């Protein structure tokens, strides 16, 4: 199996795990107030979502070993694609025409990106000064996006995507450095960058948890788009990554990215086709629906479950 194909397969499995984790986070966040965020630490469901995120992250690290940032990071859009059949399955319905359209657009766009971004396994790494410079610039940007008093929503989602994208870029540096047998396994460079990865990964997780309080659709779409943009910027500017095909390849990649972004937004705006798809079980298809207006970003109140006709309410 070629390095590019292995990176794609690992990214696909990682995206499925990330989709499950995002849904679990949103379901918990929708039932949690600001004062109760720390109580999530005592809930097993939250730790299950953390475990899914951790497993997805490990698969992502493995993919970064065999593929470039410009190849692996855009495949994160498969998170939404994976959520479509899962949501339909849980809701007991068929995939809607809008969801099929969004899936087709996303896959078509990613196919164009794969053609131009495929290349040899990465071998360049960030130096410690470069890693610290990236960290400082990213921290400043996150501080602006997630400033105190900002309403949880798309700004927090953007900050989460940037943090995750930078963490992936730093992770590739550690992965390449550790697997390079010409130097020590735990060099000063590896230790410093590993600490930065932990900080950005934790920050991205907490920022996404906050963003998902207003629903999963729009925030997850923003996270999905901001992540590869941040990672690709580092890969192309600092790690010597190049797109295949010269100017024509650049145009094809840009067109593919635009089509994939259109598909991601379409998926995030897809709503259930029947009331049954948005029942109290809160399936994936329901949480992917994009709300509108200010109320869409407020945590919904918890209502008591109403008995279904013909059913007895337990005492």
C-alpha atoms as a PDB file:
ATOM      1  CA  UNK A   1       0.000   0.000   0.000  1.00  0.00           C
ATOM      2  CA  UNK A   2       1.413   3.401  -0.997  1.00  0.00           C
ATOM      3  CA  UNK A   3       2.056   6.078   1.617  1.00  0.00           C
ATOM      4  CA  UNK A   4      -0.618   8.349   0.131  1.00  0.00           C
ATOM      5  CA  UNK A   5      -3.287   5.628   0.134  1.00  0.00           C
ATOM      6  CA  UNK A   6      -2.439   4.647   3.717  1.00  0.00           C
ATOM      7  CA  UNK A   7      -2.709   8.285   4.809  1.00  0.00           C
ATOM      8  CA  UNK A   8      -6.146   8.538   3.175  1.00  0.00           C
ATOM      9  CA  UNK A   9      -7.413   5.344   4.833  1.00  0.00           C
ATOM     10  CA  UNK A  10      -6.183   6.405   8.276  1.00  0.00           C
ATOM     11  CA  UNK A  11      -7.749   9.850   7.798  1.00  0.00           C
ATOM     12  CA  UNK A  12     -11.085   8.269   6.882  1.00  0.00           C
ATOM     13  CA  UNK A  13     -11.218   6.140  10.051  1.00  0.00           C
ATOM     14  CA  UNK A  14     -10.101   9.134  12.097  1.00  0.00           C
ATOM     15  CA  UNK A  15     -12.904  11.260  10.644  1.00  0.00           C
ATOM     16  CA  UNK A  16     -15.515   8.683  11.681  1.00  0.00           C
ATOM     17  CA  UNK A  17     -14.216   8.718  15.253  1.00  0.00           C
ATOM     18  CA  UNK A  18     -14.146  12.518  15.323  1.00  0.00           C
ATOM     19  CA  UNK A  19     -17.765  12.612  14.097  1.00  0.00           C
ATOM     20  CA  UNK A  20     -18.920  10.406  16.964  1.00  0.00           C
ATOM     21  CA  UNK A  21     -16.969  12.478  19.477  1.00  0.00           C
ATOM     22  CA  UNK A  22     -18.401  15.762  18.162  1.00  0.00           C
ATOM     23  CA  UNK A  23     -21.966  14.468  18.452  1.00  0.00           C
ATOM     24  CA  UNK A  24     -21.352  13.312  22.027  1.00  0.00           C
ATOM     25  CA  UNK A  25     -19.848  16.701  22.924  1.00  0.00           C
ATOM     26  CA  UNK A  26     -22.779  18.609  21.437  1.00  0.00           C
ATOM     27  CA  UNK A  27     -25.374  16.518  23.281  1.00  0.00           C
ATOM     28  CA  UNK A  28     -23.632  17.202  26.576  1.00  0.00           C
ATOM     29  CA  UNK A  29     -22.973  20.873  25.845  1.00  0.00           C
ATOM     30  CA  UNK A  30     -26.616  21.535  24.988  1.00  0.00           C
ATOM     31  CA  UNK A  31     -27.538  20.430  28.513  1.00  0.00           C
ATOM     32  CA  UNK A  32     -24.779  22.305  30.333  1.00  0.00           C
ATOM     33  CA  UNK A  33     -24.648  25.896  31.565  1.00  0.00           C
ATOM     34  CA  UNK A  34     -21.494  27.966  32.097  1.00  0.00           C
ATOM     35  CA  UNK A  35     -21.594  27.161  35.811  1.00  0.00           C
ATOM     36  CA  UNK A  36     -21.856  23.446  35.138  1.00  0.00           C
ATOM     37  CA  UNK A  37     -19.018  22.997  32.645  1.00  0.00           C
ATOM     38  CA  UNK A  38     -16.708  21.489  35.285  1.00  0.00           C
ATOM     39  CA  UNK A  39     -19.370  18.917  36.166  1.00  0.00           C
ATOM     40  CA  UNK A  40     -18.727  17.282  32.803  1.00  0.00           C
ATOM     41  CA  UNK A  41     -15.584  15.789  34.341  1.00  0.00           C
ATOM     42  CA  UNK A  42     -17.780  13.586  36.506  1.00  0.00           C
ATOM     43  CA  UNK A  43     -19.862  12.256  33.618  1.00  0.00           C
ATOM     44  CA  UNK A  44     -18.914   9.039  31.892  1.00  0.00           C
ATOM     45  CA  UNK A  45     -20.402  10.171  28.565  1.00  0.00           C
ATOM     46  CA  UNK A  46     -17.984  13.099  28.433  1.00  0.00           C
ATOM     47  CA  UNK A  47     -15.017  10.783  29.013  1.00  0.00           C
ATOM     48  CA  UNK A  48     -16.302   8.529  26.234  1.00  0.00           C
ATOM     49  CA  UNK A  49     -16.186  11.528  23.887  1.00  0.00           C
ATOM     50  CA  UNK A  50     -12.671  12.304  25.106  1.00  0.00           C
ATOM     51  CA  UNK A  51     -11.688   8.692  24.409  1.00  0.00           C
ATOM     52  CA  UNK A  52     -13.103   8.903  20.885  1.00  0.00           C
ATOM     53  CA  UNK A  53     -11.214  12.135  20.328  1.00  0.00           C
ATOM     54  CA  UNK A  54      -8.018  10.510  21.603  1.00  0.00           C
ATOM     55  CA  UNK A  55      -8.431   7.501  19.309  1.00  0.00           C
ATOM     56  CA  UNK A  56      -9.160   9.758  16.350  1.00  0.00           C
ATOM     57  CA  UNK A  57      -6.111  11.850  17.215  1.00  0.00           C
ATOM     58  CA  UNK A  58      -3.841   8.792  17.251  1.00  0.00           C
ATOM     59  CA  UNK A  59      -5.113   7.754  13.839  1.00  0.00           C
ATOM     60  CA  UNK A  60      -4.573  11.309  12.649  1.00  0.00           C
ATOM     61  CA  UNK A  61      -0.985  11.249  13.921  1.00  0.00           C
ATOM     62  CA  UNK A  62      -0.368   8.039  11.985  1.00  0.00           C
ATOM     63  CA  UNK A  63      -1.840   9.634   8.851  1.00  0.00           C
ATOM     64  CA  UNK A  64       0.512  12.615   9.241  1.00  0.00           C
ATOM     65  CA  UNK A  65       3.432  10.203   9.218  1.00  0.00           C
ATOM     66  CA  UNK A  66       2.536   9.040   5.715  1.00  0.00           C
ATOM     67  CA  UNK A  67       0.892  12.124   4.202  1.00  0.00           C
ATOM     68  CA  UNK A  68       1.532  15.856   4.006  1.00  0.00           C
ATOM     69  CA  UNK A  69      -0.508  18.458   5.881  1.00  0.00           C
ATOM     70  CA  UNK A  70      -2.037  19.674   2.616  1.00  0.00           C
ATOM     71  CA  UNK A  71      -3.244  16.110   1.986  1.00  0.00           C
ATOM     72  CA  UNK A  72      -4.331  14.942   5.443  1.00  0.00           C
ATOM     73  CA  UNK A  73      -5.951  18.058   6.896  1.00  0.00           C
ATOM     74  CA  UNK A  74      -8.619  18.647   4.199  1.00  0.00           C
ATOM     75  CA  UNK A  75      -9.762  15.057   4.724  1.00  0.00           C
ATOM     76  CA  UNK A  76     -11.119  16.235   8.074  1.00  0.00           C
ATOM     77  CA  UNK A  77     -14.181  17.313   6.077  1.00  0.00           C
ATOM     78  CA  UNK A  78     -15.042  13.612   5.992  1.00  0.00           C
ATOM     79  CA  UNK A  79     -16.186  14.070   9.604  1.00  0.00           C
ATOM     80  CA  UNK A  80     -19.433  15.632   8.369  1.00  0.00           C
ATOM     81  CA  UNK A  81     -19.719  13.105   5.544  1.00  0.00           C
ATOM     82  CA  UNK A  82     -19.459  10.260   8.062  1.00  0.00           C
ATOM     83  CA  UNK A  83     -22.157  11.838  10.229  1.00  0.00           C
ATOM     84  CA  UNK A  84     -24.754  11.753   7.427  1.00  0.00           C
ATOM     85  CA  UNK A  85     -25.394   7.973   7.217  1.00  0.00           C
ATOM     86  CA  UNK A  86     -24.900   7.647  10.976  1.00  0.00           C
ATOM     87  CA  UNK A  87     -27.536  10.314  11.610  1.00  0.00           C
ATOM     88  CA  UNK A  88     -29.971   8.757   9.171  1.00  0.00           C
ATOM     89  CA  UNK A  89     -29.471   5.360  10.797  1.00  0.00           C
ATOM     90  CA  UNK A  90     -30.129   6.662  14.306  1.00  0.00           C
ATOM     91  CA  UNK A  91     -33.147   8.680  13.158  1.00  0.00           C
ATOM     92  CA  UNK A  92     -34.639   5.724  11.298  1.00  0.00           C
ATOM     93  CA  UNK A  93     -34.904   7.599   8.004  1.00  0.00           C
ATOM     94  CA  UNK A  94     -33.330   7.804   4.577  1.00  0.00           C
ATOM     95  CA  UNK A  95     -30.565  10.218   3.682  1.00  0.00           C
ATOM     96  CA  UNK A  96     -32.205  13.343   2.223  1.00  0.00           C
ATOM     97  CA  UNK A  97     -31.499  14.787  -1.213  1.00  0.00           C
ATOM     98  CA  UNK A  98     -29.778  17.803   0.358  1.00  0.00           C
ATOM     99  CA  UNK A  99     -27.482  15.511   2.356  1.00  0.00           C
ATOM    100  CA  UNK A 100     -26.643  13.495  -0.750  1.00  0.00           C
ATOM    101  CA  UNK A 101     -25.842  16.737  -2.579  1.00  0.00           C
ATOM    102  CA  UNK A 102     -23.605  17.966   0.234  1.00  0.00           C
ATOM    103  CA  UNK A 103     -21.831  14.613   0.424  1.00  0.00           C
ATOM    104  CA  UNK A 104     -21.259  14.511  -3.346  1.00  0.00           C
ATOM    105  CA  UNK A 105     -19.890  18.072  -3.396  1.00  0.00           C
ATOM    106  CA  UNK A 106     -17.559  17.400  -0.464  1.00  0.00           C
ATOM    107  CA  UNK A 107     -16.198  14.188  -1.961  1.00  0.00           C
ATOM    108  CA  UNK A 108     -15.753  15.758  -5.402  1.00  0.00           C
ATOM    109  CA  UNK A 109     -13.867  18.702  -3.938  1.00  0.00           C
ATOM    110  CA  UNK A 110     -11.662  16.482  -1.791  1.00  0.00           C
ATOM    111  CA  UNK A 111     -10.866  14.318  -4.821  1.00  0.00           C
ATOM    112  CA  UNK A 112      -9.472  17.375  -6.610  1.00  0.00           C
ATOM    113  CA  UNK A 113      -7.445  18.302  -3.521  1.00  0.00           C
ATOM    114  CA  UNK A 114      -6.073  14.747  -3.278  1.00  0.00           C
ATOM    115  CA  UNK A 115      -4.809  14.874  -6.869  1.00  0.00           C
ATOM    116  CA  UNK A 116      -2.796  18.040  -6.261  1.00  0.00           C
ATOM    117  CA  UNK A 117      -1.753  17.476  -2.629  1.00  0.00           C
ATOM    118  CA  UNK A 118      -0.526  13.900  -2.944  1.00  0.00           C
ATOM    119  CA  UNK A 119       3.224  13.562  -2.727  1.00  0.00           C
ATOM    120  CA  UNK A 120       6.070  11.877  -0.876  1.00  0.00           C
ATOM    121  CA  UNK A 121       5.972  11.280   2.855  1.00  0.00           C
ATOM    122  CA  UNK A 122       6.910  14.409   4.841  1.00  0.00           C
ATOM    123  CA  UNK A 123      10.496  14.858   5.983  1.00  0.00           C
ATOM    124  CA  UNK A 124      10.768  18.531   6.991  1.00  0.00           C
ATOM    125  CA  UNK A 125      10.204  19.692  10.590  1.00  0.00           C
ATOM    126  CA  UNK A 126       9.702  23.009  12.345  1.00  0.00           C
ATOM    127  CA  UNK A 127      12.654  24.318  14.302  1.00  0.00           C
ATOM    128  CA  UNK A 128      12.112  25.413  17.893  1.00  0.00           C
ATOM    129  CA  UNK A 129      12.168  29.152  16.960  1.00  0.00           C
ATOM    130  CA  UNK A 130       9.656  28.490  14.170  1.00  0.00           C
ATOM    131  CA  UNK A 131       7.409  26.492  16.515  1.00  0.00           C
ATOM    132  CA  UNK A 132       7.527  29.268  19.123  1.00  0.00           C
ATOM    133  CA  UNK A 133       6.771  31.924  16.487  1.00  0.00           C
ATOM    134  CA  UNK A 134       3.775  29.911  15.236  1.00  0.00           C
ATOM    135  CA  UNK A 135       2.631  29.454  18.836  1.00  0.00           C
ATOM    136  CA  UNK A 136       2.790  33.167  19.590  1.00  0.00           C
ATOM    137  CA  UNK A 137       0.885  34.172  16.453  1.00  0.00           C
ATOM    138  CA  UNK A 138      -1.739  31.464  17.002  1.00  0.00           C
ATOM    139  CA  UNK A 139      -2.225  32.339  20.679  1.00  0.00           C
ATOM    140  CA  UNK A 140      -2.783  35.981  19.742  1.00  0.00           C
ATOM    141  CA  UNK A 141      -5.345  35.032  17.091  1.00  0.00           C
ATOM    142  CA  UNK A 142      -7.172  32.670  19.470  1.00  0.00           C
ATOM    143  CA  UNK A 143      -7.203  35.398  22.114  1.00  0.00           C
ATOM    144  CA  UNK A 144      -8.971  37.741  19.691  1.00  0.00           C
ATOM    145  CA  UNK A 145     -11.478  35.129  18.518  1.00  0.00           C
ATOM    146  CA  UNK A 146     -12.321  33.758  21.987  1.00  0.00           C
ATOM    147  CA  UNK A 147     -11.979  36.974  23.975  1.00  0.00           C
ATOM    148  CA  UNK A 148     -13.771  37.111  27.362  1.00  0.00           C
ATOM    149  CA  UNK A 149     -17.416  38.022  27.066  1.00  0.00           C
ATOM    150  CA  UNK A 150     -17.789  36.743  23.500  1.00  0.00           C
ATOM    151  CA  UNK A 151     -20.950  34.718  22.932  1.00  0.00           C
ATOM    152  CA  UNK A 152     -20.157  31.033  22.354  1.00  0.00           C
ATOM    153  CA  UNK A 153     -20.494  30.269  18.671  1.00  0.00           C
ATOM    154  CA  UNK A 154     -18.658  30.715  15.404  1.00  0.00           C
ATOM    155  CA  UNK A 155     -15.724  32.725  16.813  1.00  0.00           C
ATOM    156  CA  UNK A 156     -14.996  29.958  19.316  1.00  0.00           C
ATOM    157  CA  UNK A 157     -15.376  27.397  16.511  1.00  0.00           C
ATOM    158  CA  UNK A 158     -12.876  29.324  14.384  1.00  0.00           C
ATOM    159  CA  UNK A 159     -10.442  29.444  17.297  1.00  0.00           C
ATOM    160  CA  UNK A 160     -10.901  25.708  17.848  1.00  0.00           C
ATOM    161  CA  UNK A 161     -10.207  24.931  14.181  1.00  0.00           C
ATOM    162  CA  UNK A 162      -7.075  27.079  14.166  1.00  0.00           C
ATOM    163  CA  UNK A 163      -5.811  25.475  17.400  1.00  0.00           C
ATOM    164  CA  UNK A 164      -6.418  21.978  16.034  1.00  0.00           C
ATOM    165  CA  UNK A 165      -4.779  22.777  12.703  1.00  0.00           C
ATOM    166  CA  UNK A 166      -1.673  24.168  14.396  1.00  0.00           C
ATOM    167  CA  UNK A 167      -1.577  21.161  16.738  1.00  0.00           C
ATOM    168  CA  UNK A 168      -1.571  18.888  13.681  1.00  0.00           C
ATOM    169  CA  UNK A 169       1.279  20.821  12.093  1.00  0.00           C
ATOM    170  CA  UNK A 170       3.302  20.557  15.297  1.00  0.00           C
ATOM    171  CA  UNK A 171       2.374  16.880  15.590  1.00  0.00           C
ATOM    172  CA  UNK A 172       3.830  16.186  12.174  1.00  0.00           C
ATOM    173  CA  UNK A 173       7.090  17.753  13.320  1.00  0.00           C
ATOM    174  CA  UNK A 174       7.243  15.442  16.344  1.00  0.00           C
ATOM    175  CA  UNK A 175       6.245  12.384  14.307  1.00  0.00           C
ATOM    176  CA  UNK A 176       8.911  12.973  11.658  1.00  0.00           C
ATOM    177  CA  UNK A 177      11.572  13.856  14.258  1.00  0.00           C
ATOM    178  CA  UNK A 178      10.867  10.792  16.422  1.00  0.00           C
ATOM    179  CA  UNK A 179      10.866   8.371  13.488  1.00  0.00           C
ATOM    180  CA  UNK A 180      14.082   9.860  12.125  1.00  0.00           C
ATOM    181  CA  UNK A 181      16.706   7.405  13.366  1.00  0.00           C
ATOM    182  CA  UNK A 182      19.571   9.822  12.762  1.00  0.00           C
ATOM    183  CA  UNK A 183      18.981  11.728  16.006  1.00  0.00           C
ATOM    184  CA  UNK A 184      17.998  11.119  19.647  1.00  0.00           C
ATOM    185  CA  UNK A 185      14.458   9.950  20.311  1.00  0.00           C
ATOM    186  CA  UNK A 186      13.663  12.687  22.858  1.00  0.00           C
ATOM    187  CA  UNK A 187      15.542  15.755  21.735  1.00  0.00           C
ATOM    188  CA  UNK A 188      14.974  19.238  23.149  1.00  0.00           C
ATOM    189  CA  UNK A 189      13.037  20.066  19.994  1.00  0.00           C
ATOM    190  CA  UNK A 190      10.673  17.105  20.440  1.00  0.00           C
ATOM    191  CA  UNK A 191       9.987  17.893  24.109  1.00  0.00           C
ATOM    192  CA  UNK A 192       9.223  21.584  23.494  1.00  0.00           C
ATOM    193  CA  UNK A 193       6.961  20.906  20.514  1.00  0.00           C
ATOM    194  CA  UNK A 194       5.172  18.072  22.376  1.00  0.00           C
ATOM    195  CA  UNK A 195       4.277  20.484  25.193  1.00  0.00           C
ATOM    196  CA  UNK A 196       2.903  22.960  22.646  1.00  0.00           C
ATOM    197  CA  UNK A 197       0.860  20.193  21.008  1.00  0.00           C
ATOM    198  CA  UNK A 198      -0.728  19.278  24.349  1.00  0.00           C
ATOM    199  CA  UNK A 199      -1.633  22.916  24.986  1.00  0.00           C
ATOM    200  CA  UNK A 200      -3.214  23.451  21.560  1.00  0.00           C
ATOM    201  CA  UNK A 201      -5.014  20.098  21.598  1.00  0.00           C
ATOM    202  CA  UNK A 202      -6.559  20.800  25.006  1.00  0.00           C
ATOM    203  CA  UNK A 203      -7.421  24.352  23.989  1.00  0.00           C
ATOM    204  CA  UNK A 204      -9.056  23.178  20.775  1.00  0.00           C
ATOM    205  CA  UNK A 205     -11.134  20.603  22.656  1.00  0.00           C
ATOM    206  CA  UNK A 206     -12.379  23.124  25.221  1.00  0.00           C
ATOM    207  CA  UNK A 207     -13.096  25.757  22.570  1.00  0.00           C
ATOM    208  CA  UNK A 208     -15.127  23.286  20.503  1.00  0.00           C
ATOM    209  CA  UNK A 209     -17.008  22.177  23.611  1.00  0.00           C
ATOM    210  CA  UNK A 210     -17.972  25.808  24.174  1.00  0.00           C
ATOM    211  CA  UNK A 211     -18.857  26.418  20.521  1.00  0.00           C
ATOM    212  CA  UNK A 212     -21.119  23.347  20.330  1.00  0.00           C
ATOM    213  CA  UNK A 213     -23.403  24.750  23.047  1.00  0.00           C
ATOM    214  CA  UNK A 214     -25.290  26.541  20.276  1.00  0.00           C
ATOM    215  CA  UNK A 215     -25.703  23.430  18.121  1.00  0.00           C
ATOM    216  CA  UNK A 216     -23.337  21.307  16.075  1.00  0.00           C
ATOM    217  CA  UNK A 217     -24.052  22.281  12.466  1.00  0.00           C
ATOM    218  CA  UNK A 218     -22.531  25.729  11.924  1.00  0.00           C
ATOM    219  CA  UNK A 219     -19.727  25.445  14.522  1.00  0.00           C
ATOM    220  CA  UNK A 220     -18.602  22.038  13.236  1.00  0.00           C
ATOM    221  CA  UNK A 221     -18.587  23.379   9.675  1.00  0.00           C
ATOM    222  CA  UNK A 222     -16.395  26.309  10.753  1.00  0.00           C
ATOM    223  CA  UNK A 223     -14.040  23.992  12.688  1.00  0.00           C
ATOM    224  CA  UNK A 224     -13.848  21.690   9.675  1.00  0.00           C
ATOM    225  CA  UNK A 225     -12.905  24.556   7.345  1.00  0.00           C
ATOM    226  CA  UNK A 226     -10.574  26.510   9.660  1.00  0.00           C
ATOM    227  CA  UNK A 227      -8.501  23.443  10.570  1.00  0.00           C
ATOM    228  CA  UNK A 228      -7.047  22.625   7.117  1.00  0.00           C
ATOM    229  CA  UNK A 229      -6.567  26.303   6.280  1.00  0.00           C
ATOM    230  CA  UNK A 230      -4.340  26.820   9.337  1.00  0.00           C
ATOM    231  CA  UNK A 231      -2.414  23.575   8.776  1.00  0.00           C
ATOM    232  CA  UNK A 232      -1.951  24.124   5.039  1.00  0.00           C
ATOM    233  CA  UNK A 233      -0.655  27.650   5.659  1.00  0.00           C
ATOM    234  CA  UNK A 234       2.084  26.224   7.904  1.00  0.00           C
ATOM    235  CA  UNK A 235       2.848  23.332   5.558  1.00  0.00           C
ATOM    236  CA  UNK A 236       3.176  25.511   2.462  1.00  0.00           C
ATOM    237  CA  UNK A 237       5.050  28.388   4.111  1.00  0.00           C
ATOM    238  CA  UNK A 238       7.345  26.633   6.615  1.00  0.00           C
ATOM    239  CA  UNK A 239       7.567  22.925   5.791  1.00  0.00           C
ATOM    240  CA  UNK A 240       8.354  23.123   2.110  1.00  0.00           C
ATOM    241  CA  UNK A 241       5.180  21.353   0.974  1.00  0.00           C
ATOM    242  CA  UNK A 242       4.148  21.945  -2.630  1.00  0.00           C
ATOM    243  CA  UNK A 243       1.052  21.272  -4.681  1.00  0.00           C
ATOM    244  CA  UNK A 244       1.449  19.053  -7.741  1.00  0.00           C
ATOM    245  CA  UNK A 245       0.974  20.417 -11.263  1.00  0.00           C
ATOM    246  CA  UNK A 246       2.291  23.958 -10.930  1.00  0.00           C
ATOM    247  CA  UNK A 247      -0.149  26.788 -11.657  1.00  0.00           C
ATOM    248  CA  UNK A 248      -2.769  24.376 -13.034  1.00  0.00           C
ATOM    249  CA  UNK A 249      -2.495  22.268  -9.891  1.00  0.00           C
ATOM    250  CA  UNK A 250      -2.913  25.357  -7.721  1.00  0.00           C
ATOM    251  CA  UNK A 251      -6.079  26.333  -9.586  1.00  0.00           C
ATOM    252  CA  UNK A 252      -7.421  22.779  -9.343  1.00  0.00           C
ATOM    253  CA  UNK A 253      -6.705  22.686  -5.594  1.00  0.00           C
ATOM    254  CA  UNK A 254      -8.400  26.047  -5.083  1.00  0.00           C
ATOM    255  CA  UNK A 255     -11.448  24.920  -7.058  1.00  0.00           C
ATOM    256  CA  UNK A 256     -11.570  21.633  -5.171  1.00  0.00           C
ATOM    257  CA  UNK A 257     -11.300  23.407  -1.825  1.00  0.00           C
ATOM    258  CA  UNK A 258     -14.148  25.755  -2.807  1.00  0.00           C
ATOM    259  CA  UNK A 259     -16.378  22.838  -3.888  1.00  0.00           C
ATOM    260  CA  UNK A 260     -15.559  20.893  -0.711  1.00  0.00           C
ATOM    261  CA  UNK A 261     -16.344  23.973   1.406  1.00  0.00           C
ATOM    262  CA  UNK A 262     -19.669  24.311  -0.419  1.00  0.00           C
ATOM    263  CA  UNK A 263     -20.410  20.684   0.379  1.00  0.00           C
ATOM    264  CA  UNK A 264     -19.489  21.117   4.048  1.00  0.00           C
ATOM    265  CA  UNK A 265     -21.775  24.142   4.392  1.00  0.00           C
ATOM    266  CA  UNK A 266     -24.561  22.251   2.594  1.00  0.00           C
ATOM    267  CA  UNK A 267     -24.216  19.340   5.003  1.00  0.00           C
ATOM    268  CA  UNK A 268     -24.185  21.626   8.023  1.00  0.00           C
ATOM    269  CA  UNK A 269     -27.402  23.298   6.828  1.00  0.00           C
ATOM    270  CA  UNK A 270     -29.226  20.030   6.105  1.00  0.00           C
ATOM    271  CA  UNK A 271     -32.207  19.583   8.394  1.00  0.00           C
ATOM    272  CA  UNK A 272     -34.202  16.421   9.185  1.00  0.00           C
ATOM    273  CA  UNK A 273     -36.949  15.732   6.667  1.00  0.00           C
ATOM    274  CA  UNK A 274     -39.534  14.758   9.256  1.00  0.00           C
ATOM    275  CA  UNK A 275     -40.341  15.572  12.879  1.00  0.00           C
ATOM    276  CA  UNK A 276     -39.380  12.039  13.834  1.00  0.00           C
ATOM    277  CA  UNK A 277     -35.803  12.837  12.895  1.00  0.00           C
ATOM    278  CA  UNK A 278     -35.600  15.462  15.645  1.00  0.00           C
ATOM    279  CA  UNK A 279     -37.092  13.575  18.566  1.00  0.00           C
ATOM    280  CA  UNK A 280     -35.923  13.631  22.142  1.00  0.00           C
ATOM    281  CA  UNK A 281     -33.102  11.192  21.387  1.00  0.00           C
ATOM    282  CA  UNK A 282     -31.317  14.014  19.519  1.00  0.00           C
ATOM    283  CA  UNK A 283     -29.868  11.971  16.606  1.00  0.00           C
ATOM    284  CA  UNK A 284     -26.917  13.124  14.532  1.00  0.00           C
ATOM    285  CA  UNK A 285     -29.148  14.398  11.742  1.00  0.00           C
ATOM    286  CA  UNK A 286     -30.910  16.724  14.155  1.00  0.00           C
ATOM    287  CA  UNK A 287     -27.767  18.200  15.660  1.00  0.00           C
ATOM    288  CA  UNK A 288     -26.371  18.848  12.187  1.00  0.00           C
ATOM    289  CA  UNK A 289     -29.294  21.216  11.497  1.00  0.00           C
ATOM    290  CA  UNK A 290     -28.186  24.844  11.301  1.00  0.00           C
ATOM    291  CA  UNK A 291     -30.325  27.230  13.335  1.00  0.00           C
ATOM    292  CA  UNK A 292     -30.868  30.872  12.413  1.00  0.00           C
ATOM    293  CA  UNK A 293     -31.138  33.997  14.486  1.00  0.00           C
ATOM    294  CA  UNK A 294     -29.785  34.786  17.954  1.00  0.00           C
ATOM    295  CA  UNK A 295     -31.769  32.038  19.633  1.00  0.00           C
ATOM    296  CA  UNK A 296     -29.862  29.436  17.649  1.00  0.00           C
ATOM    297  CA  UNK A 297     -26.809  30.059  19.815  1.00  0.00           C
ATOM    298  CA  UNK A 298     -28.444  29.787  23.192  1.00  0.00           C
ATOM    299  CA  UNK A 299     -28.545  26.508  25.085  1.00  0.00           C
ATOM    300  CA  UNK A 300     -32.038  25.040  24.749  1.00  0.00           C
ATOM    301  CA  UNK A 301     -33.982  24.476  27.948  1.00  0.00           C
ATOM    302  CA  UNK A 302     -34.414  20.947  29.172  1.00  0.00           C
ATOM    303  CA  UNK A 303     -38.022  19.857  28.876  1.00  0.00           C
ATOM    304  CA  UNK A 304     -39.495  16.782  30.517  1.00  0.00           C
ATOM    305  CA  UNK A 305     -39.995  13.875  28.161  1.00  0.00           C
ATOM    306  CA  UNK A 306     -43.625  13.587  27.155  1.00  0.00           C
ATOM    307  CA  UNK A 307     -45.206  10.124  26.953  1.00  0.00           C
ATOM    308  CA  UNK A 308     -46.036   8.916  23.465  1.00  0.00           C
ATOM    309  CA  UNK A 309     -49.669   8.115  22.636  1.00  0.00           C
ATOM    310  CA  UNK A 310     -50.635   4.672  23.778  1.00  0.00           C
ATOM    311  CA  UNK A 311     -47.782   4.415  26.263  1.00  0.00           C
ATOM    312  CA  UNK A 312     -48.066   4.451  30.017  1.00  0.00           C
ATOM    313  CA  UNK A 313     -45.888   6.803  32.004  1.00  0.00           C
ATOM    314  CA  UNK A 314     -43.804   4.812  34.520  1.00  0.00           C
ATOM    315  CA  UNK A 315     -44.281   5.681  38.146  1.00  0.00           C
END
